Amino acid sequence: MDDLGLRRARKDVGTGAPGAAPQPGVIGIALAAVLTAALAQGSWQWFATYLGVTLLALVLCFYRLPAWAPGLRSAYAVNLMTYAVVVGLCVAITLAPMMQRWSWLFPMPGTRAQCRELGRYERLRVEATLAGLAGRDPVALAHAQQSQSHTVMADCLASTTTLWLPVYGLGAAVLVALGAWSLGRSRTRGGAGSPGTEAPERSSRSLP
C-alpha cells in the first residue's frame, strides 16, 4: 500500500468515512472501562471522574453516528440508543465522586445524617477496641478514630450514591439522545433544502 493509501486508511479509522458504519470498538472499550469502575468496591474516588472524562472525550471524538433516518427501527435509532446509553454511563461515573461529597449536587439529607451517626459509632467502637492506647499514645488513637470514621462514612455515602447513579445516567442518556436526534434531523433537512440542489426551471416560451 502506498503512502496515499495509508493516509486515507488512517483518516477513515480516526474520523470515520462518510456513510461508513460507526466504530463499535470505541463503544466496547468505553463500556468495559465504565463497568470496571462501576463494579469497584468502596468509596467513589476522584479517579472515577478522570476516567469518566477520558471516556467521554474518547466517545465524542472518535464515534460517529450514521446519517439521520426516521423510524425507531432504523439503523440510526439503534446506534443513537447505544451512543446515548454509553454517554449517560460515562456522565454518571464522572459525577459519582461529586455526588458522594457535595450535598448541593446530591442532597439525600436522611442518608447523610445516618452516615454521620455511623461515623460517630465507629469512633466509639475504635476507642473501645484500642482503649489501651489512650494512656500510651492518644495521638495515634485519635488518628485511628478519624480514619475509621471517615472510611465508614464514605462507604455509607458511596452505597447510596451507587443506588441513584442509574437515574442520573438515564437522565443524561435521554438528553443526549434528544439533542443528537434533533441535530441530525436539522442537518439532514438543511442539506436537502440547501440552495443549488434543485434543477433550474426551464423557460416555457418556445424559441421563435
N, C-alpha and C. Protein backbone atom coordinates (compact mmCIF):
# COMPACT_ATOMS: atom_id res chain seq x y z
N MET A 1 0.86 -1.20 0.00
CA MET A 1 0.00 0.00 0.00
C MET A 1 0.89 1.24 0.00
N ASP A 2 0.58 2.21 -0.87
CA ASP A 2 1.40 3.41 -0.96
C ASP A 2 1.08 4.38 0.18
N ASP A 3 1.83 5.49 0.20
CA ASP A 3 1.65 6.46 1.27
C ASP A 3 0.26 7.09 1.24
N LEU A 4 -0.27 7.32 0.04
CA LEU A 4 -1.59 7.90 -0.06
C LEU A 4 -2.65 6.98 0.52
N GLY A 5 -2.51 5.69 0.24
CA GLY A 5 -3.47 4.73 0.79
C GLY A 5 -3.39 4.64 2.29
N LEU A 6 -2.17 4.69 2.84
CA LEU A 6 -2.01 4.65 4.28
C LEU A 6 -2.64 5.87 4.95
N ARG A 7 -2.44 7.04 4.35
CA ARG A 7 -3.04 8.25 4.92
C ARG A 7 -4.55 8.18 4.90
N ARG A 8 -5.13 7.67 3.82
CA ARG A 8 -6.58 7.54 3.74
C ARG A 8 -7.11 6.55 4.77
N ALA A 9 -6.40 5.44 4.96
CA ALA A 9 -6.84 4.45 5.93
C ALA A 9 -6.82 5.02 7.35
N ARG A 10 -5.75 5.77 7.67
CA ARG A 10 -5.68 6.37 8.99
C ARG A 10 -6.79 7.38 9.19
N LYS A 11 -7.09 8.14 8.15
CA LYS A 11 -8.16 9.13 8.26
C LYS A 11 -9.51 8.47 8.48
N ASP A 12 -9.74 7.35 7.77
CA ASP A 12 -11.01 6.65 7.93
C ASP A 12 -11.14 6.07 9.33
N VAL A 13 -10.04 5.56 9.91
CA VAL A 13 -10.11 4.99 11.24
C VAL A 13 -10.30 6.07 12.29
N GLY A 14 -9.65 7.21 12.12
CA GLY A 14 -9.70 8.25 13.13
C GLY A 14 -10.98 9.04 13.12
N THR A 15 -11.49 9.35 11.93
CA THR A 15 -12.65 10.23 11.87
C THR A 15 -13.89 9.55 11.34
N GLY A 16 -13.75 8.42 10.70
CA GLY A 16 -14.92 7.76 10.16
C GLY A 16 -15.24 8.27 8.78
N ALA A 17 -15.25 7.38 7.80
CA ALA A 17 -15.55 7.80 6.45
C ALA A 17 -17.02 8.14 6.32
N PRO A 18 -17.37 9.08 5.44
CA PRO A 18 -18.78 9.46 5.28
C PRO A 18 -19.60 8.26 4.86
N GLY A 19 -20.71 8.03 5.60
CA GLY A 19 -21.60 6.94 5.28
C GLY A 19 -21.15 5.60 5.81
N ALA A 20 -19.97 5.52 6.45
CA ALA A 20 -19.50 4.26 6.98
C ALA A 20 -20.18 3.97 8.30
N ALA A 21 -20.17 2.68 8.68
CA ALA A 21 -20.78 2.28 9.94
C ALA A 21 -19.97 2.81 11.11
N PRO A 22 -20.59 3.10 12.25
CA PRO A 22 -19.85 3.60 13.40
C PRO A 22 -18.85 2.57 13.90
N GLN A 23 -17.86 3.05 14.66
CA GLN A 23 -16.82 2.18 15.15
C GLN A 23 -17.29 1.49 16.42
N PRO A 24 -17.65 0.18 16.39
CA PRO A 24 -18.14 -0.47 17.60
C PRO A 24 -17.06 -0.68 18.64
N GLY A 25 -15.78 -0.69 18.22
CA GLY A 25 -14.71 -0.90 19.18
C GLY A 25 -14.64 0.19 20.22
N VAL A 26 -14.93 1.43 19.84
CA VAL A 26 -14.90 2.54 20.79
C VAL A 26 -15.95 2.35 21.87
N ILE A 27 -17.15 1.96 21.46
CA ILE A 27 -18.21 1.71 22.43
C ILE A 27 -17.85 0.55 23.34
N GLY A 28 -17.24 -0.50 22.78
CA GLY A 28 -16.86 -1.65 23.60
C GLY A 28 -15.82 -1.29 24.64
N ILE A 29 -14.82 -0.49 24.25
CA ILE A 29 -13.79 -0.07 25.21
C ILE A 29 -14.41 0.78 26.31
N ALA A 30 -15.27 1.71 25.92
CA ALA A 30 -15.90 2.57 26.92
C ALA A 30 -16.75 1.77 27.90
N LEU A 31 -17.53 0.82 27.38
CA LEU A 31 -18.37 0.01 28.25
C LEU A 31 -17.53 -0.82 29.22
N ALA A 32 -16.45 -1.40 28.72
CA ALA A 32 -15.59 -2.22 29.59
C ALA A 32 -15.01 -1.39 30.73
N ALA A 33 -14.52 -0.19 30.40
CA ALA A 33 -13.93 0.65 31.44
C ALA A 33 -14.98 1.15 32.42
N VAL A 34 -16.16 1.51 31.92
CA VAL A 34 -17.22 2.00 32.80
C VAL A 34 -17.69 0.90 33.74
N LEU A 35 -17.87 -0.31 33.21
CA LEU A 35 -18.30 -1.42 34.06
C LEU A 35 -17.24 -1.75 35.10
N THR A 36 -15.99 -1.65 34.73
CA THR A 36 -14.93 -1.90 35.70
C THR A 36 -15.00 -0.91 36.86
N ALA A 37 -15.22 0.36 36.53
CA ALA A 37 -15.34 1.37 37.59
C ALA A 37 -16.62 1.19 38.40
N ALA A 38 -17.72 0.82 37.72
CA ALA A 38 -19.00 0.70 38.41
C ALA A 38 -19.01 -0.48 39.38
N LEU A 39 -18.29 -1.54 39.04
CA LEU A 39 -18.27 -2.72 39.90
C LEU A 39 -17.20 -2.64 40.98
N ALA A 40 -16.43 -1.58 41.00
CA ALA A 40 -15.41 -1.42 42.03
C ALA A 40 -16.07 -1.24 43.40
N GLN A 41 -15.45 -1.80 44.41
CA GLN A 41 -15.99 -1.74 45.75
C GLN A 41 -15.43 -0.52 46.49
N GLY A 42 -16.18 -0.08 47.49
CA GLY A 42 -15.69 1.01 48.33
C GLY A 42 -16.17 2.37 47.87
N SER A 43 -15.50 3.39 48.40
CA SER A 43 -15.90 4.76 48.15
C SER A 43 -15.54 5.18 46.73
N TRP A 44 -16.34 6.13 46.20
CA TRP A 44 -16.05 6.69 44.88
C TRP A 44 -14.90 7.67 45.01
N GLN A 45 -13.83 7.44 44.27
CA GLN A 45 -12.65 8.28 44.31
C GLN A 45 -12.63 9.19 43.08
N TRP A 46 -11.78 10.23 43.15
CA TRP A 46 -11.71 11.20 42.06
C TRP A 46 -11.16 10.60 40.78
N PHE A 47 -10.51 9.46 40.88
CA PHE A 47 -10.04 8.81 39.66
C PHE A 47 -11.21 8.40 38.77
N ALA A 48 -12.37 8.13 39.37
CA ALA A 48 -13.56 7.81 38.58
C ALA A 48 -13.96 9.00 37.70
N THR A 49 -13.83 10.22 38.22
CA THR A 49 -14.11 11.41 37.42
C THR A 49 -13.15 11.52 36.25
N TYR A 50 -11.88 11.29 36.52
CA TYR A 50 -10.88 11.33 35.45
C TYR A 50 -11.19 10.27 34.40
N LEU A 51 -11.56 9.08 34.86
CA LEU A 51 -11.91 8.01 33.92
C LEU A 51 -13.13 8.37 33.09
N GLY A 52 -14.15 8.93 33.74
CA GLY A 52 -15.34 9.31 33.01
C GLY A 52 -15.09 10.39 31.97
N VAL A 53 -14.30 11.40 32.33
CA VAL A 53 -13.98 12.47 31.38
C VAL A 53 -13.18 11.91 30.20
N THR A 54 -12.24 11.01 30.48
CA THR A 54 -11.45 10.40 29.41
C THR A 54 -12.32 9.61 28.46
N LEU A 55 -13.25 8.85 28.99
CA LEU A 55 -14.14 8.05 28.14
C LEU A 55 -15.07 8.94 27.33
N LEU A 56 -15.55 10.02 27.95
CA LEU A 56 -16.39 10.95 27.20
C LEU A 56 -15.62 11.56 26.04
N ALA A 57 -14.38 11.97 26.28
CA ALA A 57 -13.57 12.51 25.19
C ALA A 57 -13.34 11.47 24.11
N LEU A 58 -13.12 10.22 24.51
CA LEU A 58 -12.89 9.16 23.53
C LEU A 58 -14.12 8.93 22.66
N VAL A 59 -15.28 8.84 23.29
CA VAL A 59 -16.51 8.57 22.54
C VAL A 59 -16.88 9.75 21.66
N LEU A 60 -16.82 10.97 22.21
CA LEU A 60 -17.25 12.14 21.45
C LEU A 60 -16.32 12.45 20.28
N CYS A 61 -15.05 12.12 20.41
CA CYS A 61 -14.09 12.44 19.35
C CYS A 61 -14.05 11.39 18.25
N PHE A 62 -14.23 10.12 18.60
CA PHE A 62 -13.98 9.06 17.63
C PHE A 62 -15.23 8.29 17.21
N TYR A 63 -16.36 8.54 17.83
CA TYR A 63 -17.58 7.83 17.44
C TYR A 63 -18.43 8.73 16.57
N ARG A 64 -18.86 8.20 15.45
CA ARG A 64 -19.67 8.97 14.51
C ARG A 64 -20.98 8.23 14.26
N LEU A 65 -22.08 8.93 14.49
CA LEU A 65 -23.38 8.36 14.19
C LEU A 65 -23.61 8.32 12.70
N PRO A 66 -24.37 7.32 12.22
CA PRO A 66 -24.68 7.30 10.78
C PRO A 66 -25.63 8.44 10.41
N ALA A 67 -25.93 8.54 9.14
CA ALA A 67 -26.83 9.59 8.67
C ALA A 67 -28.21 9.42 9.30
N TRP A 68 -28.83 10.56 9.61
CA TRP A 68 -30.14 10.52 10.27
C TRP A 68 -31.16 9.85 9.38
N ALA A 69 -32.02 9.04 9.99
CA ALA A 69 -33.09 8.36 9.27
C ALA A 69 -34.29 8.26 10.19
N PRO A 70 -35.50 8.47 9.70
CA PRO A 70 -36.69 8.39 10.56
C PRO A 70 -36.99 6.94 10.92
N GLY A 71 -37.77 6.77 11.98
CA GLY A 71 -38.19 5.44 12.39
C GLY A 71 -37.39 4.92 13.56
N LEU A 72 -38.09 4.26 14.51
CA LEU A 72 -37.44 3.73 15.69
C LEU A 72 -36.67 2.45 15.41
N ARG A 73 -36.93 1.81 14.27
CA ARG A 73 -36.24 0.57 13.93
C ARG A 73 -35.11 0.78 12.94
N SER A 74 -34.82 2.01 12.62
CA SER A 74 -33.75 2.29 11.67
C SER A 74 -32.39 2.07 12.31
N ALA A 75 -31.37 1.95 11.46
CA ALA A 75 -30.00 1.79 11.97
C ALA A 75 -29.58 3.00 12.78
N TYR A 76 -30.04 4.18 12.39
CA TYR A 76 -29.68 5.38 13.12
C TYR A 76 -30.23 5.33 14.55
N ALA A 77 -31.49 4.90 14.70
CA ALA A 77 -32.09 4.85 16.03
C ALA A 77 -31.37 3.86 16.94
N VAL A 78 -30.99 2.72 16.39
CA VAL A 78 -30.27 1.71 17.19
C VAL A 78 -28.92 2.25 17.64
N ASN A 79 -28.17 2.85 16.71
CA ASN A 79 -26.87 3.40 17.05
C ASN A 79 -26.99 4.58 18.02
N LEU A 80 -28.03 5.38 17.84
CA LEU A 80 -28.24 6.51 18.73
C LEU A 80 -28.53 6.04 20.15
N MET A 81 -29.33 4.99 20.29
CA MET A 81 -29.63 4.47 21.62
C MET A 81 -28.37 3.97 22.32
N THR A 82 -27.54 3.22 21.58
CA THR A 82 -26.29 2.74 22.16
C THR A 82 -25.38 3.89 22.55
N TYR A 83 -25.27 4.86 21.66
CA TYR A 83 -24.42 6.03 21.91
C TYR A 83 -24.88 6.79 23.16
N ALA A 84 -26.19 7.03 23.25
CA ALA A 84 -26.72 7.80 24.37
C ALA A 84 -26.55 7.07 25.70
N VAL A 85 -26.77 5.75 25.70
CA VAL A 85 -26.62 4.98 26.94
C VAL A 85 -25.18 5.00 27.42
N VAL A 86 -24.23 4.84 26.50
CA VAL A 86 -22.82 4.85 26.89
C VAL A 86 -22.42 6.22 27.41
N VAL A 87 -22.84 7.28 26.75
CA VAL A 87 -22.52 8.63 27.23
C VAL A 87 -23.16 8.87 28.60
N GLY A 88 -24.38 8.38 28.79
CA GLY A 88 -25.02 8.52 30.10
C GLY A 88 -24.26 7.81 31.20
N LEU A 89 -23.74 6.62 30.90
CA LEU A 89 -22.93 5.90 31.88
C LEU A 89 -21.66 6.67 32.21
N CYS A 90 -21.01 7.21 31.18
CA CYS A 90 -19.80 7.99 31.41
C CYS A 90 -20.08 9.21 32.27
N VAL A 91 -21.20 9.87 32.03
CA VAL A 91 -21.57 11.04 32.83
C VAL A 91 -21.81 10.63 34.28
N ALA A 92 -22.50 9.50 34.47
CA ALA A 92 -22.78 9.04 35.83
C ALA A 92 -21.49 8.72 36.58
N ILE A 93 -20.55 8.04 35.91
CA ILE A 93 -19.27 7.74 36.54
C ILE A 93 -18.51 9.02 36.87
N THR A 94 -18.60 10.01 35.97
CA THR A 94 -17.91 11.28 36.21
C THR A 94 -18.47 12.00 37.42
N LEU A 95 -19.78 11.96 37.60
CA LEU A 95 -20.43 12.70 38.68
C LEU A 95 -20.43 11.95 40.01
N ALA A 96 -20.14 10.66 40.02
CA ALA A 96 -20.27 9.86 41.24
C ALA A 96 -19.47 10.42 42.42
N PRO A 97 -18.16 10.72 42.27
CA PRO A 97 -17.45 11.28 43.44
C PRO A 97 -18.02 12.61 43.91
N MET A 98 -18.51 13.44 42.98
CA MET A 98 -19.09 14.72 43.35
C MET A 98 -20.41 14.53 44.10
N MET A 99 -21.23 13.59 43.62
CA MET A 99 -22.49 13.30 44.29
C MET A 99 -22.26 12.79 45.70
N GLN A 100 -21.21 12.02 45.89
CA GLN A 100 -20.91 11.47 47.21
C GLN A 100 -20.47 12.56 48.18
N ARG A 101 -19.77 13.57 47.70
CA ARG A 101 -19.15 14.56 48.58
C ARG A 101 -19.90 15.87 48.67
N TRP A 102 -20.63 16.26 47.62
CA TRP A 102 -21.25 17.59 47.58
C TRP A 102 -22.75 17.46 47.83
N SER A 103 -23.20 18.01 48.93
CA SER A 103 -24.61 17.90 49.29
C SER A 103 -25.51 18.71 48.36
N TRP A 104 -25.00 19.81 47.77
CA TRP A 104 -25.85 20.61 46.88
C TRP A 104 -26.14 19.88 45.58
N LEU A 105 -25.27 18.97 45.16
CA LEU A 105 -25.49 18.21 43.95
C LEU A 105 -26.38 17.00 44.19
N PHE A 106 -26.23 16.39 45.36
CA PHE A 106 -26.99 15.19 45.69
C PHE A 106 -27.33 15.27 47.19
N PRO A 107 -28.45 15.95 47.55
CA PRO A 107 -28.71 16.24 48.96
C PRO A 107 -28.82 15.01 49.86
N MET A 108 -29.70 14.07 49.54
CA MET A 108 -30.00 12.88 50.35
C MET A 108 -29.82 13.19 51.85
N PRO A 109 -30.64 14.11 52.39
CA PRO A 109 -30.43 14.56 53.78
C PRO A 109 -30.53 13.44 54.80
N GLY A 110 -31.51 12.54 54.64
CA GLY A 110 -31.64 11.46 55.62
C GLY A 110 -30.45 10.53 55.62
N THR A 111 -29.98 10.18 54.44
CA THR A 111 -28.84 9.27 54.34
C THR A 111 -27.58 9.90 54.89
N ARG A 112 -27.34 11.16 54.59
CA ARG A 112 -26.13 11.83 55.09
C ARG A 112 -26.14 11.89 56.62
N ALA A 113 -27.30 12.14 57.22
CA ALA A 113 -27.37 12.17 58.68
C ALA A 113 -27.09 10.78 59.27
N GLN A 114 -27.64 9.75 58.65
CA GLN A 114 -27.39 8.38 59.12
C GLN A 114 -25.92 8.01 58.98
N CYS A 115 -25.30 8.43 57.89
CA CYS A 115 -23.89 8.12 57.70
C CYS A 115 -23.02 8.82 58.74
N ARG A 116 -23.40 10.04 59.12
CA ARG A 116 -22.65 10.72 60.17
C ARG A 116 -22.78 10.00 61.50
N GLU A 117 -23.98 9.47 61.78
CA GLU A 117 -24.16 8.70 63.01
C GLU A 117 -23.32 7.43 62.99
N LEU A 118 -23.23 6.80 61.83
CA LEU A 118 -22.38 5.62 61.72
C LEU A 118 -20.92 5.97 61.96
N GLY A 119 -20.52 7.15 61.49
CA GLY A 119 -19.15 7.60 61.73
C GLY A 119 -18.87 7.82 63.22
N ARG A 120 -19.85 8.40 63.93
CA ARG A 120 -19.68 8.59 65.37
C ARG A 120 -19.61 7.26 66.09
N TYR A 121 -20.45 6.32 65.67
CA TYR A 121 -20.41 4.99 66.29
C TYR A 121 -19.06 4.32 66.05
N GLU A 122 -18.51 4.49 64.86
CA GLU A 122 -17.22 3.87 64.55
C GLU A 122 -16.11 4.47 65.41
N ARG A 123 -16.19 5.75 65.69
CA ARG A 123 -15.20 6.38 66.56
C ARG A 123 -15.26 5.77 67.96
N LEU A 124 -16.48 5.57 68.48
CA LEU A 124 -16.62 4.95 69.80
C LEU A 124 -16.14 3.51 69.80
N ARG A 125 -16.42 2.79 68.71
CA ARG A 125 -16.01 1.39 68.65
C ARG A 125 -14.49 1.28 68.61
N VAL A 126 -13.85 2.17 67.85
CA VAL A 126 -12.39 2.14 67.79
C VAL A 126 -11.80 2.51 69.15
N GLU A 127 -12.42 3.47 69.82
CA GLU A 127 -11.92 3.86 71.14
C GLU A 127 -12.02 2.71 72.13
N ALA A 128 -13.16 1.96 72.06
CA ALA A 128 -13.31 0.82 72.96
C ALA A 128 -12.35 -0.30 72.61
N THR A 129 -12.09 -0.49 71.31
CA THR A 129 -11.20 -1.56 70.89
C THR A 129 -9.75 -1.26 71.25
N LEU A 130 -9.37 0.00 71.09
CA LEU A 130 -7.98 0.41 71.33
C LEU A 130 -7.86 1.22 72.62
N ALA A 131 -8.60 0.83 73.63
CA ALA A 131 -8.59 1.60 74.88
C ALA A 131 -7.21 1.62 75.52
N GLY A 132 -6.41 0.61 75.24
CA GLY A 132 -5.08 0.56 75.84
C GLY A 132 -4.16 1.63 75.32
N LEU A 133 -4.47 2.19 74.16
CA LEU A 133 -3.62 3.25 73.61
C LEU A 133 -3.93 4.63 74.16
N ALA A 134 -5.04 4.75 74.89
CA ALA A 134 -5.45 6.08 75.35
C ALA A 134 -4.38 6.72 76.23
N GLY A 135 -3.78 5.93 77.13
CA GLY A 135 -2.77 6.49 78.00
C GLY A 135 -1.36 6.46 77.43
N ARG A 136 -1.16 5.63 76.42
CA ARG A 136 0.19 5.47 75.86
C ARG A 136 0.43 6.38 74.65
N ASP A 137 -0.56 6.47 73.77
CA ASP A 137 -0.39 7.29 72.57
C ASP A 137 -1.76 7.83 72.14
N PRO A 138 -2.22 8.88 72.77
CA PRO A 138 -3.54 9.43 72.42
C PRO A 138 -3.61 9.97 70.99
N VAL A 139 -2.48 10.43 70.47
CA VAL A 139 -2.48 10.95 69.09
C VAL A 139 -2.77 9.83 68.11
N ALA A 140 -2.15 8.68 68.31
CA ALA A 140 -2.41 7.53 67.42
C ALA A 140 -3.85 7.07 67.53
N LEU A 141 -4.40 7.08 68.74
CA LEU A 141 -5.79 6.70 68.92
C LEU A 141 -6.73 7.65 68.20
N ALA A 142 -6.48 8.96 68.32
CA ALA A 142 -7.32 9.94 67.63
C ALA A 142 -7.23 9.78 66.12
N HIS A 143 -6.02 9.51 65.63
CA HIS A 143 -5.85 9.30 64.19
C HIS A 143 -6.61 8.06 63.72
N ALA A 144 -6.54 6.99 64.49
CA ALA A 144 -7.26 5.76 64.12
C ALA A 144 -8.77 5.99 64.13
N GLN A 145 -9.26 6.74 65.12
CA GLN A 145 -10.69 7.05 65.18
C GLN A 145 -11.13 7.85 63.96
N GLN A 146 -10.36 8.88 63.63
CA GLN A 146 -10.72 9.72 62.49
C GLN A 146 -10.67 8.94 61.18
N SER A 147 -9.65 8.12 61.01
CA SER A 147 -9.51 7.36 59.77
C SER A 147 -10.65 6.36 59.59
N GLN A 148 -10.96 5.61 60.63
CA GLN A 148 -12.03 4.61 60.53
C GLN A 148 -13.40 5.27 60.38
N SER A 149 -13.61 6.39 61.07
CA SER A 149 -14.88 7.09 60.94
C SER A 149 -15.07 7.62 59.52
N HIS A 150 -14.01 8.17 58.95
CA HIS A 150 -14.09 8.69 57.57
C HIS A 150 -14.37 7.57 56.58
N THR A 151 -13.74 6.43 56.77
CA THR A 151 -13.94 5.30 55.86
C THR A 151 -15.37 4.79 55.92
N VAL A 152 -15.92 4.67 57.11
CA VAL A 152 -17.29 4.18 57.26
C VAL A 152 -18.28 5.16 56.66
N MET A 153 -18.09 6.45 56.91
CA MET A 153 -18.99 7.45 56.34
C MET A 153 -18.91 7.46 54.81
N ALA A 154 -17.71 7.37 54.26
CA ALA A 154 -17.55 7.38 52.81
C ALA A 154 -18.20 6.16 52.17
N ASP A 155 -18.04 5.00 52.79
CA ASP A 155 -18.66 3.79 52.25
C ASP A 155 -20.18 3.87 52.30
N CYS A 156 -20.70 4.45 53.37
CA CYS A 156 -22.15 4.61 53.50
C CYS A 156 -22.70 5.55 52.43
N LEU A 157 -22.04 6.70 52.24
CA LEU A 157 -22.48 7.64 51.21
C LEU A 157 -22.30 7.05 49.81
N ALA A 158 -21.23 6.30 49.60
CA ALA A 158 -20.97 5.72 48.28
C ALA A 158 -22.03 4.69 47.91
N SER A 159 -22.49 3.90 48.88
CA SER A 159 -23.51 2.89 48.57
C SER A 159 -24.81 3.54 48.14
N THR A 160 -25.20 4.63 48.80
CA THR A 160 -26.42 5.34 48.40
C THR A 160 -26.24 6.02 47.05
N THR A 161 -25.06 6.59 46.84
CA THR A 161 -24.78 7.22 45.54
C THR A 161 -24.88 6.22 44.41
N THR A 162 -24.34 5.02 44.62
CA THR A 162 -24.39 3.99 43.58
C THR A 162 -25.83 3.60 43.27
N LEU A 163 -26.69 3.57 44.26
CA LEU A 163 -28.09 3.22 44.02
C LEU A 163 -28.78 4.24 43.12
N TRP A 164 -28.39 5.52 43.21
CA TRP A 164 -29.03 6.57 42.43
C TRP A 164 -28.33 6.88 41.12
N LEU A 165 -27.16 6.30 40.88
CA LEU A 165 -26.43 6.58 39.65
C LEU A 165 -27.23 6.23 38.38
N PRO A 166 -27.97 5.10 38.34
CA PRO A 166 -28.74 4.82 37.12
C PRO A 166 -29.73 5.92 36.76
N VAL A 167 -30.29 6.59 37.76
CA VAL A 167 -31.25 7.67 37.46
C VAL A 167 -30.53 8.83 36.78
N TYR A 168 -29.37 9.22 37.30
CA TYR A 168 -28.60 10.29 36.68
C TYR A 168 -28.11 9.88 35.29
N GLY A 169 -27.65 8.64 35.16
CA GLY A 169 -27.19 8.17 33.86
C GLY A 169 -28.30 8.12 32.83
N LEU A 170 -29.48 7.66 33.25
CA LEU A 170 -30.61 7.60 32.32
C LEU A 170 -31.05 8.99 31.91
N GLY A 171 -31.07 9.93 32.86
CA GLY A 171 -31.42 11.30 32.51
C GLY A 171 -30.45 11.91 31.50
N ALA A 172 -29.16 11.67 31.72
CA ALA A 172 -28.17 12.17 30.76
C ALA A 172 -28.32 11.50 29.40
N ALA A 173 -28.64 10.20 29.39
CA ALA A 173 -28.82 9.49 28.12
C ALA A 173 -30.01 10.04 27.34
N VAL A 174 -31.10 10.35 28.04
CA VAL A 174 -32.27 10.92 27.36
C VAL A 174 -31.95 12.27 26.76
N LEU A 175 -31.24 13.11 27.51
CA LEU A 175 -30.88 14.43 26.99
C LEU A 175 -29.95 14.31 25.78
N VAL A 176 -28.99 13.40 25.85
CA VAL A 176 -28.07 13.21 24.72
C VAL A 176 -28.81 12.70 23.50
N ALA A 177 -29.72 11.74 23.71
CA ALA A 177 -30.47 11.18 22.58
C ALA A 177 -31.34 12.25 21.91
N LEU A 178 -32.04 13.04 22.71
CA LEU A 178 -32.89 14.09 22.15
C LEU A 178 -32.06 15.14 21.41
N GLY A 179 -30.93 15.52 22.00
CA GLY A 179 -30.09 16.52 21.34
C GLY A 179 -29.50 16.01 20.03
N ALA A 180 -28.97 14.77 20.03
CA ALA A 180 -28.38 14.23 18.82
C ALA A 180 -29.44 13.99 17.75
N TRP A 181 -30.62 13.54 18.16
CA TRP A 181 -31.70 13.31 17.20
C TRP A 181 -32.13 14.62 16.53
N SER A 182 -32.31 15.65 17.33
CA SER A 182 -32.72 16.94 16.77
C SER A 182 -31.63 17.52 15.87
N LEU A 183 -30.36 17.40 16.29
CA LEU A 183 -29.28 17.93 15.48
C LEU A 183 -29.15 17.18 14.16
N GLY A 184 -29.23 15.85 14.21
CA GLY A 184 -29.15 15.07 12.98
C GLY A 184 -30.31 15.35 12.04
N ARG A 185 -31.49 15.52 12.60
CA ARG A 185 -32.66 15.80 11.76
C ARG A 185 -32.55 17.17 11.11
N SER A 186 -32.10 18.16 11.88
CA SER A 186 -31.98 19.50 11.30
C SER A 186 -30.89 19.55 10.23
N ARG A 187 -29.80 18.83 10.44
CA ARG A 187 -28.75 18.80 9.43
C ARG A 187 -29.23 18.13 8.15
N THR A 188 -29.97 17.04 8.29
CA THR A 188 -30.47 16.34 7.11
C THR A 188 -31.44 17.22 6.33
N ARG A 189 -32.34 17.88 7.04
CA ARG A 189 -33.30 18.76 6.35
C ARG A 189 -32.62 19.97 5.75
N GLY A 190 -31.61 20.49 6.46
CA GLY A 190 -30.89 21.63 5.92
C GLY A 190 -30.11 21.29 4.68
N GLY A 191 -29.53 20.08 4.65
CA GLY A 191 -28.81 19.66 3.46
C GLY A 191 -29.72 19.39 2.29
N ALA A 192 -30.92 18.86 2.59
CA ALA A 192 -31.85 18.58 1.50
C ALA A 192 -32.45 19.85 0.92
N GLY A 193 -32.58 20.88 1.78
CA GLY A 193 -33.20 22.11 1.30
C GLY A 193 -32.24 23.22 1.00
N SER A 194 -30.95 22.92 0.90
CA SER A 194 -29.96 23.97 0.65
C SER A 194 -30.07 24.48 -0.78
N PRO A 195 -29.71 25.72 -1.03
CA PRO A 195 -29.83 26.27 -2.38
C PRO A 195 -28.85 25.58 -3.32
N GLY A 196 -29.24 25.48 -4.56
CA GLY A 196 -28.39 24.88 -5.57
C GLY A 196 -28.66 23.43 -5.81
N THR A 197 -29.57 22.82 -5.01
CA THR A 197 -29.85 21.40 -5.18
C THR A 197 -31.00 21.16 -6.15
N GLU A 198 -31.80 22.17 -6.38
CA GLU A 198 -32.92 21.99 -7.29
C GLU A 198 -32.49 22.32 -8.72
N ALA A 199 -33.07 21.62 -9.63
CA ALA A 199 -32.76 21.87 -11.04
C ALA A 199 -33.36 23.21 -11.46
N PRO A 200 -32.68 23.96 -12.32
CA PRO A 200 -33.20 25.26 -12.76
C PRO A 200 -34.46 25.08 -13.59
N GLU A 201 -35.37 26.03 -13.45
CA GLU A 201 -36.62 25.95 -14.19
C GLU A 201 -36.36 26.23 -15.68
N ARG A 202 -37.05 25.49 -16.46
CA ARG A 202 -36.95 25.70 -17.92
C ARG A 202 -37.98 26.73 -18.37
N SER A 203 -37.57 27.51 -19.31
CA SER A 203 -38.49 28.54 -19.81
C SER A 203 -39.60 27.90 -20.62
N SER A 204 -40.82 28.35 -20.36
CA SER A 204 -41.97 27.77 -21.07
C SER A 204 -42.15 28.41 -22.43
N ARG A 205 -41.36 29.42 -22.73
CA ARG A 205 -41.51 30.06 -24.02
C ARG A 205 -40.82 29.23 -25.10
N SER A 206 -41.43 29.18 -26.20
CA SER A 206 -40.84 28.45 -27.31
C SER A 206 -39.92 29.37 -28.09
N LEU A 207 -38.92 28.77 -28.64
CA LEU A 207 -37.98 29.56 -29.44
C LEU A 207 -38.68 30.12 -30.65
N PRO A 208 -38.34 31.33 -31.07
CA PRO A 208 -39.00 31.91 -32.25
C PRO A 208 -38.54 31.21 -33.52
